[in-house]
Amino acid sequence: MSIDIAVWTFVGTWTLVIGTIVLMWWQTRQTRILNSANVVMALRERFASLSMRRARRFLATRLLNNQHEDITNLEVGAFFELVGALTHRGVLEEDLVWEAFGTWAADYYHALRHPVDLIGQARSSLRDPLLFHEFEWLHDRVLHLDRANLGSTHAETIEDEEEIRILLKREGDLDIEV
């Protein structure tokens, strides 16, 4: 009779231990997702702030007008560098970032590289080959997630110059009044 109690105690204890570990893992995962969502929402608020709308409008207008030598404000690129770094390190969930910033990240990056490679020029002039490397990583991940989530038919239009121009036009028309 005492062996049966010992076996049941052993099984019960290990069931409790494994159950606790699984529950802790699940809670940690849920907390990580919730924290990621909170940070993404805070970043969206920052992206929509008056100072960022001004920076986005300035950059978009210069890119649309081919005034590449007038682009000295790197605030938009620095924002996507931060988002890319946080995502690359696993602080932010990739899917949340893709949903929240995917189009902007892909289009701004492409516009900063084509037809004039402004990122390459900045890297050369500042002698910093890693300048905006996390922004570049974010761009590549967004394109990968576009293909994975939207399929190969969408992949053909991912970096469509006309689509990018439309986004830049919208950005150039952003309201920057208080």
Protein backbone atom coordinates (compact mmCIF):
# COMPACT_ATOMS: atom_id res chain seq x y z
CA MET A 1 0.00 0.00 0.00
CA SER A 2 2.86 2.44 0.79
CA ILE A 3 4.43 1.85 -2.63
CA ASP A 4 1.19 2.90 -4.34
CA ILE A 5 1.13 6.14 -2.32
CA ALA A 6 4.79 6.82 -3.13
CA VAL A 7 4.20 6.22 -6.85
CA TRP A 8 1.12 8.43 -6.90
CA THR A 9 2.97 11.12 -4.96
CA PHE A 10 5.88 10.91 -7.42
CA VAL A 11 3.55 11.09 -10.47
CA GLY A 12 1.51 13.88 -8.92
CA THR A 13 4.57 15.92 -8.04
CA TRP A 14 6.07 15.64 -11.52
CA THR A 15 2.71 16.41 -13.12
CA LEU A 16 2.52 19.54 -10.98
CA VAL A 17 6.12 20.53 -11.85
CA ILE A 18 5.60 20.04 -15.61
CA GLY A 19 2.24 21.81 -15.48
CA THR A 20 3.80 24.76 -13.65
CA ILE A 21 6.63 24.99 -16.18
CA VAL A 22 4.18 24.93 -19.09
CA LEU A 23 2.01 27.57 -17.44
CA MET A 24 5.02 29.81 -16.76
CA TRP A 25 6.20 29.42 -20.36
CA TRP A 26 2.71 30.33 -21.64
CA GLN A 27 2.46 33.35 -19.32
CA THR A 28 5.91 34.56 -20.34
CA ARG A 29 5.00 34.23 -24.02
CA GLN A 30 1.74 36.13 -23.51
CA THR A 31 3.54 38.86 -21.58
CA ARG A 32 6.13 39.18 -24.36
CA ILE A 33 3.41 39.51 -27.00
CA LEU A 34 1.53 42.07 -24.92
CA ASN A 35 4.71 44.09 -24.31
CA SER A 36 5.51 43.96 -28.01
CA ALA A 37 2.02 45.18 -28.86
CA ASN A 38 2.31 48.04 -26.35
CA VAL A 39 5.67 49.13 -27.78
CA VAL A 40 4.36 48.93 -31.36
CA MET A 41 1.38 51.10 -30.37
CA ALA A 42 3.71 53.61 -28.72
CA LEU A 43 5.88 53.64 -31.85
CA ARG A 44 2.76 54.23 -33.97
CA GLU A 45 1.94 57.24 -31.79
CA ARG A 46 5.48 58.52 -32.26
CA PHE A 47 5.23 57.92 -36.01
CA ALA A 48 2.02 59.99 -36.08
CA SER A 49 3.43 62.78 -33.89
CA LEU A 50 3.67 66.30 -35.26
CA SER A 51 7.47 66.29 -35.40
CA MET A 52 7.54 62.94 -37.22
CA ARG A 53 4.81 64.03 -39.66
CA ARG A 54 6.93 67.09 -40.44
CA ALA A 55 10.00 64.89 -41.01
CA ARG A 56 8.01 62.46 -43.17
CA ARG A 57 6.50 65.30 -45.20
CA PHE A 58 9.91 66.93 -45.69
CA LEU A 59 11.56 63.69 -46.80
CA ALA A 60 8.70 62.62 -49.07
CA THR A 61 8.56 66.02 -50.76
CA ARG A 62 12.31 66.03 -51.38
CA LEU A 63 12.25 62.48 -52.76
CA LEU A 64 9.30 63.24 -55.05
CA ASN A 65 10.98 66.39 -56.38
CA ASN A 66 14.35 64.64 -56.88
CA GLN A 67 15.95 67.10 -54.45
CA HIS A 68 18.32 64.49 -53.16
CA GLU A 69 21.04 66.91 -52.13
CA ASP A 70 18.56 68.69 -49.82
CA ILE A 71 17.89 65.62 -47.68
CA THR A 72 19.75 66.21 -44.45
CA ASN A 73 17.07 65.19 -41.95
CA LEU A 74 17.56 61.51 -41.10
CA GLU A 75 14.71 61.27 -38.58
CA VAL A 76 12.57 58.92 -40.69
CA GLY A 77 15.50 56.61 -41.37
CA ALA A 78 16.51 56.70 -37.70
CA PHE A 79 12.95 55.76 -36.71
CA PHE A 80 12.98 52.70 -38.97
CA GLU A 81 16.50 51.88 -37.77
CA LEU A 82 15.12 51.71 -34.22
CA VAL A 83 12.11 49.62 -35.27
CA GLY A 84 14.42 47.30 -37.20
CA ALA A 85 16.83 46.92 -34.28
CA LEU A 86 14.04 46.14 -31.81
CA THR A 87 12.49 43.65 -34.22
CA HIS A 88 15.80 42.03 -35.16
CA ARG A 89 16.60 41.43 -31.49
CA GLY A 90 13.19 39.86 -30.87
CA VAL A 91 11.87 42.65 -28.66
CA LEU A 92 9.05 43.27 -31.14
CA GLU A 93 6.97 40.62 -32.88
CA GLU A 94 7.73 40.64 -36.60
CA ASP A 95 4.09 40.23 -37.62
CA LEU A 96 3.00 43.21 -35.50
CA VAL A 97 5.74 45.39 -36.99
CA TRP A 98 4.84 44.19 -40.50
CA GLU A 99 1.18 45.11 -39.91
CA ALA A 100 1.99 48.48 -38.33
CA PHE A 101 4.90 49.73 -40.47
CA GLY A 102 5.47 47.33 -43.37
CA THR A 103 4.41 49.56 -46.24
CA TRP A 104 6.19 52.64 -44.93
CA ALA A 105 9.40 50.76 -44.14
CA ALA A 106 9.58 49.06 -47.54
CA ASP A 107 8.63 52.14 -49.54
CA TYR A 108 10.83 54.64 -47.72
CA TYR A 109 13.80 52.29 -47.88
CA HIS A 110 13.31 51.72 -51.61
CA ALA A 111 12.85 55.44 -52.24
CA LEU A 112 16.06 56.19 -50.31
CA ARG A 113 17.96 53.69 -52.48
CA HIS A 114 16.40 54.43 -55.91
CA PRO A 115 17.00 56.18 -58.24
CA VAL A 116 19.76 57.74 -56.14
CA ASP A 117 21.31 55.61 -53.37
CA LEU A 118 21.07 58.14 -50.57
CA ILE A 119 21.75 55.53 -47.90
CA GLY A 120 24.89 54.43 -49.74
CA GLN A 121 25.99 58.06 -50.08
CA ALA A 122 25.41 58.67 -46.36
CA ARG A 123 27.37 55.53 -45.50
CA SER A 124 30.27 56.72 -47.64
CA SER A 125 30.28 60.34 -46.52
CA LEU A 126 29.99 59.43 -42.82
CA ARG A 127 32.38 56.47 -43.25
CA ASP A 128 29.88 54.25 -41.48
CA PRO A 129 29.11 51.07 -43.46
CA LEU A 130 26.57 50.06 -40.81
CA LEU A 131 24.47 53.23 -41.09
CA PHE A 132 20.83 52.12 -41.39
CA HIS A 133 21.77 48.44 -41.49
CA GLU A 134 18.82 47.58 -39.21
CA PHE A 135 16.53 49.61 -41.48
CA GLU A 136 17.89 47.52 -44.36
CA TRP A 137 17.25 44.32 -42.37
CA LEU A 138 13.69 45.52 -41.62
CA HIS A 139 13.10 46.22 -45.31
CA ASP A 140 14.23 42.70 -46.24
CA ARG A 141 12.04 41.13 -43.53
CA VAL A 142 9.02 43.15 -44.66
CA LEU A 143 9.51 41.93 -48.22
CA HIS A 144 9.87 38.35 -46.96
CA LEU A 145 6.69 38.65 -44.87
CA ASP A 146 4.86 40.24 -47.81
CA ARG A 147 5.71 37.26 -49.97
CA ALA A 148 4.88 34.76 -47.23
CA ASN A 149 1.57 36.36 -46.23
CA LEU A 150 0.34 37.74 -49.54
CA GLY A 151 1.64 35.20 -52.01
CA SER A 152 3.77 35.25 -55.10
CA THR A 153 1.31 37.31 -57.16
CA HIS A 154 1.72 40.15 -54.70
CA ALA A 155 5.50 39.71 -54.68
CA GLU A 156 5.68 41.09 -58.20
CA THR A 157 4.22 44.44 -57.06
CA ILE A 158 6.08 44.81 -53.76
CA GLU A 159 8.47 47.51 -54.93
CA ASP A 160 6.32 49.01 -57.67
CA GLU A 161 7.59 52.52 -58.39
CA GLU A 162 4.06 53.89 -58.88
CA GLU A 163 2.87 52.47 -55.54
CA ILE A 164 5.87 54.04 -53.81
CA ARG A 165 5.18 57.35 -55.54
CA ILE A 166 1.56 57.25 -54.32
CA LEU A 167 2.72 56.69 -50.74
CA LEU A 168 5.27 59.50 -50.99
CA LYS A 169 2.59 61.80 -52.41
CA ARG A 170 0.32 61.00 -49.44
CA GLU A 171 3.23 61.59 -47.08
CA GLY A 172 4.03 64.86 -48.84
CA ASP A 173 0.46 66.00 -48.20
CA LEU A 174 0.48 65.19 -44.48
CA ASP A 175 -1.18 67.75 -42.25
CA ILE A 176 1.48 69.35 -40.05
CA GLU A 177 -0.65 71.97 -38.38
CA VAL A 178 -1.24 71.82 -34.64
